[in-house]
Amino acid sequence: MKTLILLIAVVSGAAGFTGVAARTPRDEDAAYGSRRAGQIRPLPEIESMVIPRMGGARYIGPEILDDAHYRLKFMRGTKVIWVDVDGRTGAIVGRAGD
């Protein structure tokens, strides 16, 4: 009986595992595809355009908002500054925190 219960548990778990392959694309996956297709600029290019404009704020790192926008995080003193950038043009489209 214990073997049957274990077998059912294993089969149920395996059946649930197949749903992972059918997941919807994450924002990072979509952004990677857009970059590969030449629709958005690579992150190093975006960083080289934005970092010099931040007046000495320390660059912490990026986030990908969706398939066409980056969010770059900076620190100035104790303040966190978020800069939203259009991945197609490199234009700053939003800024918060300073």
C-alpha atoms as a PDB file:
ATOM      1  CA  MET A   1       0.000   0.000   0.000  1.00  0.00           C
ATOM      2  CA  LYS A   2       2.843   2.417   0.864  1.00  0.00           C
ATOM      3  CA  THR A   3       4.434   1.672  -2.514  1.00  0.00           C
ATOM      4  CA  LEU A   4       1.184   2.529  -4.309  1.00  0.00           C
ATOM      5  CA  ILE A   5       0.873   5.837  -2.443  1.00  0.00           C
ATOM      6  CA  LEU A   6       4.498   6.673  -3.221  1.00  0.00           C
ATOM      7  CA  LEU A   7       3.966   5.807  -6.900  1.00  0.00           C
ATOM      8  CA  ILE A   8       0.878   8.044  -7.087  1.00  0.00           C
ATOM      9  CA  ALA A   9       2.793  10.895  -5.447  1.00  0.00           C
ATOM     10  CA  VAL A  10       5.696  10.548  -7.893  1.00  0.00           C
ATOM     11  CA  VAL A  11       3.404  10.399 -10.936  1.00  0.00           C
ATOM     12  CA  SER A  12       1.376  13.389  -9.677  1.00  0.00           C
ATOM     13  CA  GLY A  13       4.550  15.372  -9.143  1.00  0.00           C
ATOM     14  CA  ALA A  14       5.839  14.509 -12.613  1.00  0.00           C
ATOM     15  CA  ALA A  15       2.520  15.519 -14.176  1.00  0.00           C
ATOM     16  CA  GLY A  16       2.710  18.869 -12.402  1.00  0.00           C
ATOM     17  CA  PHE A  17       6.289  19.360 -13.577  1.00  0.00           C
ATOM     18  CA  THR A  18       5.263  19.362 -17.253  1.00  0.00           C
ATOM     19  CA  GLY A  19       3.468  22.677 -16.709  1.00  0.00           C
ATOM     20  CA  VAL A  20       6.819  24.428 -16.209  1.00  0.00           C
ATOM     21  CA  ALA A  21       7.681  24.112 -19.897  1.00  0.00           C
ATOM     22  CA  ALA A  22       4.413  25.811 -20.848  1.00  0.00           C
ATOM     23  CA  ARG A  23       5.105  28.957 -18.801  1.00  0.00           C
ATOM     24  CA  THR A  24       4.612  32.402 -20.225  1.00  0.00           C
ATOM     25  CA  PRO A  25       7.779  34.320 -21.171  1.00  0.00           C
ATOM     26  CA  ARG A  26       9.298  36.454 -18.450  1.00  0.00           C
ATOM     27  CA  ASP A  27      10.154  40.091 -19.099  1.00  0.00           C
ATOM     28  CA  GLU A  28      13.842  39.165 -19.216  1.00  0.00           C
ATOM     29  CA  ASP A  29      13.170  36.554 -21.905  1.00  0.00           C
ATOM     30  CA  ALA A  30      11.196  39.041 -23.992  1.00  0.00           C
ATOM     31  CA  ALA A  31      13.884  41.702 -23.590  1.00  0.00           C
ATOM     32  CA  TYR A  32      16.590  39.241 -24.612  1.00  0.00           C
ATOM     33  CA  GLY A  33      14.615  38.335 -27.731  1.00  0.00           C
ATOM     34  CA  SER A  34      14.052  42.004 -28.576  1.00  0.00           C
ATOM     35  CA  ARG A  35      17.749  42.765 -28.133  1.00  0.00           C
ATOM     36  CA  ARG A  36      18.733  39.828 -30.325  1.00  0.00           C
ATOM     37  CA  ALA A  37      16.327  41.071 -33.004  1.00  0.00           C
ATOM     38  CA  GLY A  38      17.956  44.521 -32.878  1.00  0.00           C
ATOM     39  CA  GLN A  39      14.854  46.207 -31.475  1.00  0.00           C
ATOM     40  CA  ILE A  40      16.472  47.400 -28.238  1.00  0.00           C
ATOM     41  CA  ARG A  41      19.995  48.501 -27.406  1.00  0.00           C
ATOM     42  CA  PRO A  42      22.265  46.233 -25.350  1.00  0.00           C
ATOM     43  CA  LEU A  43      22.475  47.041 -21.651  1.00  0.00           C
ATOM     44  CA  PRO A  44      26.165  48.129 -21.765  1.00  0.00           C
ATOM     45  CA  GLU A  45      25.264  50.714 -24.402  1.00  0.00           C
ATOM     46  CA  ILE A  46      22.356  52.008 -22.302  1.00  0.00           C
ATOM     47  CA  GLU A  47      24.591  52.180 -19.221  1.00  0.00           C
ATOM     48  CA  SER A  48      27.273  54.111 -21.127  1.00  0.00           C
ATOM     49  CA  MET A  49      24.650  56.676 -22.136  1.00  0.00           C
ATOM     50  CA  VAL A  50      23.021  57.132 -18.704  1.00  0.00           C
ATOM     51  CA  ILE A  51      25.757  56.703 -16.069  1.00  0.00           C
ATOM     52  CA  PRO A  52      27.736  59.817 -17.106  1.00  0.00           C
ATOM     53  CA  ARG A  53      24.551  61.894 -16.775  1.00  0.00           C
ATOM     54  CA  MET A  54      24.019  60.921 -13.128  1.00  0.00           C
ATOM     55  CA  GLY A  55      26.352  63.491 -11.579  1.00  0.00           C
ATOM     56  CA  GLY A  56      28.550  61.161  -9.555  1.00  0.00           C
ATOM     57  CA  ALA A  57      25.768  58.953  -8.173  1.00  0.00           C
ATOM     58  CA  ARG A  58      26.998  55.405  -7.582  1.00  0.00           C
ATOM     59  CA  TYR A  59      25.584  52.897 -10.069  1.00  0.00           C
ATOM     60  CA  ILE A  60      24.091  49.833  -8.343  1.00  0.00           C
ATOM     61  CA  GLY A  61      22.711  47.854 -11.282  1.00  0.00           C
ATOM     62  CA  PRO A  62      19.914  47.290 -13.774  1.00  0.00           C
ATOM     63  CA  GLU A  63      16.435  45.823 -13.842  1.00  0.00           C
ATOM     64  CA  ILE A  64      14.417  44.988 -16.919  1.00  0.00           C
ATOM     65  CA  LEU A  65      10.932  46.454 -16.740  1.00  0.00           C
ATOM     66  CA  ASP A  66       9.542  44.905 -19.906  1.00  0.00           C
ATOM     67  CA  ASP A  67      10.709  44.039 -23.383  1.00  0.00           C
ATOM     68  CA  ALA A  68      11.563  47.670 -24.229  1.00  0.00           C
ATOM     69  CA  HIS A  69      12.532  49.439 -20.979  1.00  0.00           C
ATOM     70  CA  TYR A  70      15.358  49.260 -18.483  1.00  0.00           C
ATOM     71  CA  ARG A  71      15.400  50.604 -14.927  1.00  0.00           C
ATOM     72  CA  LEU A  72      18.827  51.587 -13.627  1.00  0.00           C
ATOM     73  CA  LYS A  73      19.396  51.934  -9.876  1.00  0.00           C
ATOM     74  CA  PHE A  74      21.776  54.512  -8.392  1.00  0.00           C
ATOM     75  CA  MET A  75      22.701  55.705  -4.892  1.00  0.00           C
ATOM     76  CA  ARG A  76      23.528  59.261  -3.914  1.00  0.00           C
ATOM     77  CA  GLY A  77      24.330  59.367  -0.200  1.00  0.00           C
ATOM     78  CA  THR A  78      21.465  57.470   1.421  1.00  0.00           C
ATOM     79  CA  LYS A  79      18.988  58.104  -1.412  1.00  0.00           C
ATOM     80  CA  VAL A  80      18.101  55.495  -4.011  1.00  0.00           C
ATOM     81  CA  ILE A  81      17.495  56.888  -7.493  1.00  0.00           C
ATOM     82  CA  TRP A  82      15.610  54.891 -10.129  1.00  0.00           C
ATOM     83  CA  VAL A  83      16.057  55.884 -13.755  1.00  0.00           C
ATOM     84  CA  ASP A  84      13.740  54.402 -16.381  1.00  0.00           C
ATOM     85  CA  VAL A  85      15.240  54.231 -19.859  1.00  0.00           C
ATOM     86  CA  ASP A  86      13.667  53.481 -23.229  1.00  0.00           C
ATOM     87  CA  GLY A  87      15.642  50.515 -24.525  1.00  0.00           C
ATOM     88  CA  ARG A  88      15.060  51.451 -28.146  1.00  0.00           C
ATOM     89  CA  THR A  89      16.380  55.014 -27.994  1.00  0.00           C
ATOM     90  CA  GLY A  90      18.349  55.228 -24.746  1.00  0.00           C
ATOM     91  CA  ALA A  91      16.217  58.211 -23.675  1.00  0.00           C
ATOM     92  CA  ILE A  92      15.455  58.675 -19.979  1.00  0.00           C
ATOM     93  CA  VAL A  93      11.677  58.384 -19.684  1.00  0.00           C
ATOM     94  CA  GLY A  94      11.307  58.525 -15.900  1.00  0.00           C
ATOM     95  CA  ARG A  95      13.221  59.238 -12.737  1.00  0.00           C
ATOM     96  CA  ALA A  96      12.347  58.825  -9.070  1.00  0.00           C
ATOM     97  CA  GLY A  97      14.092  59.238  -5.753  1.00  0.00           C
ATOM     98  CA  ASP A  98      16.138  62.377  -5.969  1.00  0.00           C
END
